[in-house]
Each structure stands twice: as C-alpha cells, then as structure tokens.
Amino acid sequence: MMIEKLKVMNSAMIPNPGTYKYRSIPRKEFVEILRMAKEIESFVGYPSTLQHIKEISGVELELSREVCRFEVGDIAAIVKLKYRVDPGKKKDYKPSAEDFEYGLLYRIA
C-alpha cells in the first residue's frame, strides 16, 4: 500500500469537524507506514517523540506545532505516550521506547 501524503501526529485528537476512524496499530506497522509514504507532513511538537520516531524507523521529521487540518481521505500516523507527563517535568522528561503507542487516524466524511 503506497500512501501519497501522510500526516504524523503525537496525539490522536480530532483537529476539525468531520467523521473519523481510529485504530491502534503495532509499532512494526507504524514504521512500515512511515517508510511507504511518498510525502510526510509532521505535526509532532516534542523533540523526544521525533527522536523516538527516528530511532525506530530511520525517518527524520521536523518539529512542528502548526495547526493540523484534515480533509476527507486524509490519513495520520499517530505516535503518542501511553500516559500524560506531569507539566512540571515535561522539559527534561525522557520517555523510553516502551512508553509509546501507535495508531492510524482517517477522516472518512
């Protein structure tokens, strides 16, 4: 499966009105999807998450806190922590590879 344009996000949030489908995926599938994408648009706002993506996939993405918008048919690969980090500890927090989970978010209507 070739993906023309893939968004990568560090949260499984719904960015704008529409109908979405979300499913959890294993790390291996997340990596395969990243490598199959012709174009990747990063919406990852944490350096530690970008480092994790690079370590597991070899794919280097840019840090971005831009607003993400979805059109019908858009797909996002999600990589997020399994828990919330205490706001006072965010600056120096270093998650392990096992702290992340993965998913796919599709806008279907």
N, C-alpha and C. Protein backbone atom coordinates (compact mmCIF):
# COMPACT_ATOMS: atom_id res chain seq x y z
N MET A 1 0.84 -1.18 0.00
CA MET A 1 0.00 0.00 0.00
C MET A 1 0.89 1.24 0.00
N MET A 2 0.76 2.07 -1.02
CA MET A 2 1.51 3.32 -1.10
C MET A 2 0.62 4.45 -0.60
N ILE A 3 1.16 5.27 0.26
CA ILE A 3 0.43 6.42 0.78
C ILE A 3 1.05 7.67 0.16
N GLU A 4 0.24 8.44 -0.55
CA GLU A 4 0.73 9.65 -1.20
C GLU A 4 1.19 10.68 -0.18
N LYS A 5 0.31 11.02 0.76
CA LYS A 5 0.63 12.05 1.75
C LYS A 5 0.16 11.56 3.12
N LEU A 6 1.07 11.55 4.06
CA LEU A 6 0.80 11.07 5.41
C LEU A 6 1.08 12.18 6.41
N LYS A 7 0.16 12.38 7.30
CA LYS A 7 0.39 13.28 8.42
C LYS A 7 0.93 12.42 9.57
N VAL A 8 1.82 12.98 10.37
CA VAL A 8 2.30 12.29 11.58
C VAL A 8 2.02 13.23 12.75
N MET A 9 1.34 12.68 13.75
CA MET A 9 0.91 13.48 14.90
C MET A 9 1.30 12.78 16.20
N ASN A 10 1.51 13.57 17.26
CA ASN A 10 1.82 12.99 18.56
C ASN A 10 0.60 12.97 19.49
N SER A 11 -0.58 13.03 18.89
CA SER A 11 -1.83 12.98 19.64
C SER A 11 -2.92 12.46 18.71
N ALA A 12 -3.86 11.72 19.26
CA ALA A 12 -4.97 11.19 18.45
C ALA A 12 -6.18 12.10 18.58
N MET A 13 -5.96 13.40 18.48
CA MET A 13 -7.06 14.35 18.61
C MET A 13 -7.78 14.54 17.28
N ILE A 14 -8.99 15.05 17.34
CA ILE A 14 -9.78 15.35 16.15
C ILE A 14 -9.54 16.83 15.83
N PRO A 15 -8.82 17.14 14.76
CA PRO A 15 -8.40 18.52 14.50
C PRO A 15 -9.49 19.46 13.98
N ASN A 16 -10.47 18.94 13.28
CA ASN A 16 -11.55 19.77 12.76
C ASN A 16 -12.78 18.89 12.56
N PRO A 17 -13.97 19.50 12.43
CA PRO A 17 -15.19 18.70 12.31
C PRO A 17 -15.14 17.71 11.15
N GLY A 18 -15.79 16.58 11.36
CA GLY A 18 -15.85 15.53 10.35
C GLY A 18 -16.09 14.20 11.03
N THR A 19 -16.10 13.15 10.21
CA THR A 19 -16.24 11.80 10.73
C THR A 19 -14.90 11.10 10.57
N TYR A 20 -14.41 10.53 11.64
CA TYR A 20 -13.08 9.92 11.66
C TYR A 20 -13.17 8.46 12.10
N LYS A 21 -12.13 7.73 11.72
CA LYS A 21 -11.97 6.36 12.18
C LYS A 21 -10.56 6.26 12.75
N TYR A 22 -10.44 5.63 13.92
CA TYR A 22 -9.13 5.46 14.55
C TYR A 22 -8.96 3.99 14.91
N ARG A 23 -7.74 3.51 14.69
CA ARG A 23 -7.43 2.15 15.14
C ARG A 23 -6.01 2.11 15.66
N SER A 24 -5.81 1.35 16.71
CA SER A 24 -4.47 1.12 17.25
C SER A 24 -3.72 0.19 16.32
N ILE A 25 -2.42 0.41 16.21
CA ILE A 25 -1.57 -0.45 15.38
C ILE A 25 -0.30 -0.78 16.14
N PRO A 26 0.35 -1.90 15.80
CA PRO A 26 1.62 -2.22 16.44
C PRO A 26 2.75 -1.33 15.89
N ARG A 27 3.82 -1.23 16.64
CA ARG A 27 4.97 -0.41 16.24
C ARG A 27 5.47 -0.79 14.85
N LYS A 28 5.53 -2.07 14.55
CA LYS A 28 6.04 -2.53 13.25
C LYS A 28 5.22 -1.94 12.10
N GLU A 29 3.90 -1.92 12.25
CA GLU A 29 3.04 -1.36 11.20
C GLU A 29 3.24 0.15 11.08
N PHE A 30 3.40 0.84 12.21
CA PHE A 30 3.67 2.28 12.20
C PHE A 30 4.92 2.57 11.37
N VAL A 31 5.98 1.82 11.62
CA VAL A 31 7.24 2.00 10.89
C VAL A 31 7.05 1.73 9.40
N GLU A 32 6.35 0.65 9.06
CA GLU A 32 6.12 0.33 7.65
C GLU A 32 5.35 1.44 6.94
N ILE A 33 4.35 1.99 7.60
CA ILE A 33 3.54 3.07 7.02
C ILE A 33 4.40 4.31 6.79
N LEU A 34 5.24 4.66 7.76
CA LEU A 34 6.14 5.81 7.57
C LEU A 34 7.03 5.61 6.35
N ARG A 35 7.58 4.44 6.22
CA ARG A 35 8.51 4.16 5.12
C ARG A 35 7.83 4.09 3.77
N MET A 36 6.53 3.80 3.73
CA MET A 36 5.79 3.70 2.46
C MET A 36 5.27 5.05 1.97
N ALA A 37 5.23 6.03 2.84
CA ALA A 37 4.66 7.33 2.47
C ALA A 37 5.56 8.08 1.50
N LYS A 38 4.97 8.59 0.43
CA LYS A 38 5.72 9.41 -0.53
C LYS A 38 6.06 10.77 0.08
N GLU A 39 5.12 11.33 0.82
CA GLU A 39 5.32 12.65 1.44
C GLU A 39 4.80 12.58 2.87
N ILE A 40 5.58 13.14 3.80
CA ILE A 40 5.19 13.14 5.21
C ILE A 40 5.11 14.58 5.69
N GLU A 41 4.00 14.89 6.34
CA GLU A 41 3.79 16.21 6.93
C GLU A 41 3.78 16.03 8.45
N SER A 42 4.75 16.62 9.12
CA SER A 42 4.90 16.44 10.57
C SER A 42 4.08 17.46 11.35
N PHE A 43 3.36 16.95 12.34
CA PHE A 43 2.67 17.77 13.32
C PHE A 43 3.10 17.30 14.71
N VAL A 44 4.36 16.92 14.83
CA VAL A 44 4.93 16.42 16.09
C VAL A 44 5.62 17.58 16.78
N GLY A 45 5.18 17.87 18.00
CA GLY A 45 5.68 19.03 18.71
C GLY A 45 6.66 18.76 19.83
N TYR A 46 7.12 17.52 19.97
CA TYR A 46 8.03 17.18 21.05
C TYR A 46 9.31 16.56 20.50
N PRO A 47 10.48 17.13 20.85
CA PRO A 47 11.75 16.56 20.37
C PRO A 47 11.94 15.10 20.75
N SER A 48 11.50 14.70 21.94
CA SER A 48 11.69 13.30 22.36
C SER A 48 10.87 12.35 21.49
N THR A 49 9.71 12.78 21.02
CA THR A 49 8.90 11.95 20.13
C THR A 49 9.56 11.85 18.76
N LEU A 50 10.10 12.96 18.27
CA LEU A 50 10.82 12.93 16.98
C LEU A 50 12.03 11.99 17.06
N GLN A 51 12.74 12.04 18.18
CA GLN A 51 13.90 11.16 18.37
C GLN A 51 13.46 9.70 18.37
N HIS A 52 12.37 9.42 19.04
CA HIS A 52 11.84 8.05 19.07
C HIS A 52 11.49 7.57 17.66
N ILE A 53 10.82 8.41 16.89
CA ILE A 53 10.46 8.05 15.51
C ILE A 53 11.72 7.73 14.70
N LYS A 54 12.73 8.57 14.84
CA LYS A 54 13.99 8.35 14.11
C LYS A 54 14.66 7.05 14.54
N GLU A 55 14.66 6.76 15.83
CA GLU A 55 15.31 5.55 16.34
C GLU A 55 14.63 4.28 15.85
N ILE A 56 13.30 4.28 15.77
CA ILE A 56 12.61 3.04 15.39
C ILE A 56 12.44 2.88 13.89
N SER A 57 12.53 3.99 13.14
CA SER A 57 12.23 3.91 11.70
C SER A 57 13.33 4.41 10.78
N GLY A 58 14.24 5.21 11.31
CA GLY A 58 15.24 5.85 10.46
C GLY A 58 14.70 7.08 9.74
N VAL A 59 13.43 7.40 9.96
CA VAL A 59 12.80 8.55 9.31
C VAL A 59 12.98 9.78 10.21
N GLU A 60 13.54 10.83 9.64
CA GLU A 60 13.77 12.06 10.39
C GLU A 60 12.72 13.09 10.00
N LEU A 61 11.97 13.56 10.98
CA LEU A 61 10.91 14.54 10.76
C LEU A 61 11.26 15.85 11.44
N GLU A 62 10.58 16.91 11.01
CA GLU A 62 10.80 18.22 11.61
C GLU A 62 9.83 18.47 12.76
N LEU A 63 10.29 19.21 13.74
CA LEU A 63 9.45 19.65 14.84
C LEU A 63 8.43 20.64 14.30
N SER A 64 7.17 20.47 14.66
CA SER A 64 6.14 21.38 14.17
C SER A 64 5.01 21.49 15.18
N ARG A 65 4.64 22.70 15.46
CA ARG A 65 3.48 22.97 16.31
C ARG A 65 2.39 23.66 15.49
N GLU A 66 2.44 23.47 14.18
CA GLU A 66 1.44 24.03 13.28
C GLU A 66 0.07 23.41 13.56
N VAL A 67 -0.97 24.12 13.20
CA VAL A 67 -2.33 23.60 13.31
C VAL A 67 -2.56 22.57 12.21
N CYS A 68 -3.08 21.43 12.58
CA CYS A 68 -3.35 20.35 11.62
C CYS A 68 -4.81 20.41 11.20
N ARG A 69 -5.07 20.32 9.91
CA ARG A 69 -6.43 20.27 9.36
C ARG A 69 -6.55 19.02 8.51
N PHE A 70 -7.69 18.37 8.59
CA PHE A 70 -7.94 17.16 7.81
C PHE A 70 -8.99 17.43 6.74
N GLU A 71 -8.76 16.89 5.57
CA GLU A 71 -9.76 16.82 4.51
C GLU A 71 -10.22 15.37 4.43
N VAL A 72 -11.36 15.12 3.83
CA VAL A 72 -11.84 13.75 3.65
C VAL A 72 -10.77 12.96 2.88
N GLY A 73 -10.43 11.79 3.39
CA GLY A 73 -9.42 10.94 2.77
C GLY A 73 -8.04 11.06 3.40
N ASP A 74 -7.81 12.08 4.22
CA ASP A 74 -6.50 12.25 4.86
C ASP A 74 -6.26 11.15 5.89
N ILE A 75 -4.99 10.80 6.04
CA ILE A 75 -4.56 9.75 6.97
C ILE A 75 -3.44 10.30 7.84
N ALA A 76 -3.48 9.98 9.12
CA ALA A 76 -2.40 10.35 10.03
C ALA A 76 -1.91 9.13 10.78
N ALA A 77 -0.59 9.00 10.85
CA ALA A 77 0.03 8.01 11.71
C ALA A 77 0.23 8.70 13.06
N ILE A 78 -0.20 8.04 14.11
CA ILE A 78 -0.15 8.62 15.45
C ILE A 78 0.91 7.89 16.28
N VAL A 79 1.76 8.66 16.95
CA VAL A 79 2.69 8.11 17.93
C VAL A 79 2.53 8.97 19.18
N LYS A 80 2.13 8.34 20.28
CA LYS A 80 1.84 9.12 21.48
C LYS A 80 2.24 8.34 22.72
N LEU A 81 2.49 9.09 23.78
CA LEU A 81 2.77 8.45 25.05
C LEU A 81 1.52 7.76 25.58
N LYS A 82 1.72 6.70 26.32
CA LYS A 82 0.61 5.95 26.90
C LYS A 82 0.01 6.67 28.11
N TYR A 83 0.62 7.74 28.53
CA TYR A 83 0.22 8.46 29.74
C TYR A 83 0.55 9.94 29.57
N ARG A 84 0.06 10.75 30.49
CA ARG A 84 0.36 12.18 30.47
C ARG A 84 1.55 12.46 31.38
N VAL A 85 2.43 13.33 30.93
CA VAL A 85 3.60 13.72 31.71
C VAL A 85 3.23 14.91 32.59
N ASP A 86 3.69 14.88 33.83
CA ASP A 86 3.46 15.98 34.75
C ASP A 86 4.00 17.27 34.12
N PRO A 87 3.19 18.33 34.06
CA PRO A 87 3.62 19.58 33.41
C PRO A 87 4.95 20.12 33.94
N GLY A 88 5.23 19.93 35.20
CA GLY A 88 6.48 20.40 35.78
C GLY A 88 7.70 19.60 35.36
N LYS A 89 7.48 18.43 34.76
CA LYS A 89 8.59 17.55 34.38
C LYS A 89 8.77 17.45 32.86
N LYS A 90 7.92 18.12 32.08
CA LYS A 90 7.96 17.98 30.63
C LYS A 90 9.30 18.37 30.01
N LYS A 91 9.92 19.43 30.52
CA LYS A 91 11.15 19.95 29.90
C LYS A 91 12.27 18.91 29.83
N ASP A 92 12.47 18.18 30.89
CA ASP A 92 13.59 17.24 30.95
C ASP A 92 13.17 15.78 30.86
N TYR A 93 11.91 15.52 30.56
CA TYR A 93 11.41 14.15 30.55
C TYR A 93 11.95 13.38 29.35
N LYS A 94 12.41 12.16 29.58
CA LYS A 94 12.95 11.29 28.53
C LYS A 94 12.20 9.96 28.56
N PRO A 95 11.18 9.80 27.72
CA PRO A 95 10.43 8.53 27.71
C PRO A 95 11.25 7.40 27.10
N SER A 96 10.92 6.18 27.47
CA SER A 96 11.57 5.01 26.86
C SER A 96 10.74 4.57 25.65
N ALA A 97 11.30 3.71 24.84
CA ALA A 97 10.61 3.22 23.64
C ALA A 97 9.31 2.52 24.00
N GLU A 98 9.25 1.91 25.17
CA GLU A 98 8.05 1.18 25.58
C GLU A 98 6.94 2.10 26.08
N ASP A 99 7.23 3.37 26.22
CA ASP A 99 6.23 4.33 26.70
C ASP A 99 5.29 4.82 25.60
N PHE A 100 5.57 4.45 24.35
CA PHE A 100 4.78 4.94 23.22
C PHE A 100 3.78 3.90 22.72
N GLU A 101 2.69 4.41 22.15
CA GLU A 101 1.72 3.57 21.44
C GLU A 101 1.41 4.24 20.11
N TYR A 102 0.80 3.48 19.20
CA TYR A 102 0.67 3.91 17.81
C TYR A 102 -0.74 3.69 17.30
N GLY A 103 -1.11 4.49 16.31
CA GLY A 103 -2.43 4.34 15.71
C GLY A 103 -2.51 4.99 14.35
N LEU A 104 -3.64 4.78 13.69
CA LEU A 104 -3.94 5.43 12.41
C LEU A 104 -5.27 6.16 12.56
N LEU A 105 -5.29 7.40 12.10
CA LEU A 105 -6.50 8.22 12.13
C LEU A 105 -6.86 8.57 10.69
N TYR A 106 -8.09 8.27 10.30
CA TYR A 106 -8.59 8.53 8.95
C TYR A 106 -9.77 9.49 9.03
N ARG A 107 -9.84 10.45 8.13
CA ARG A 107 -11.08 11.24 8.01
C ARG A 107 -11.89 10.61 6.89
N ILE A 108 -13.08 10.12 7.22
CA ILE A 108 -13.89 9.40 6.24
C ILE A 108 -15.07 10.20 5.72
N ALA A 109 -15.43 11.29 6.39
CA ALA A 109 -16.52 12.15 5.89
C ALA A 109 -16.45 13.51 6.54
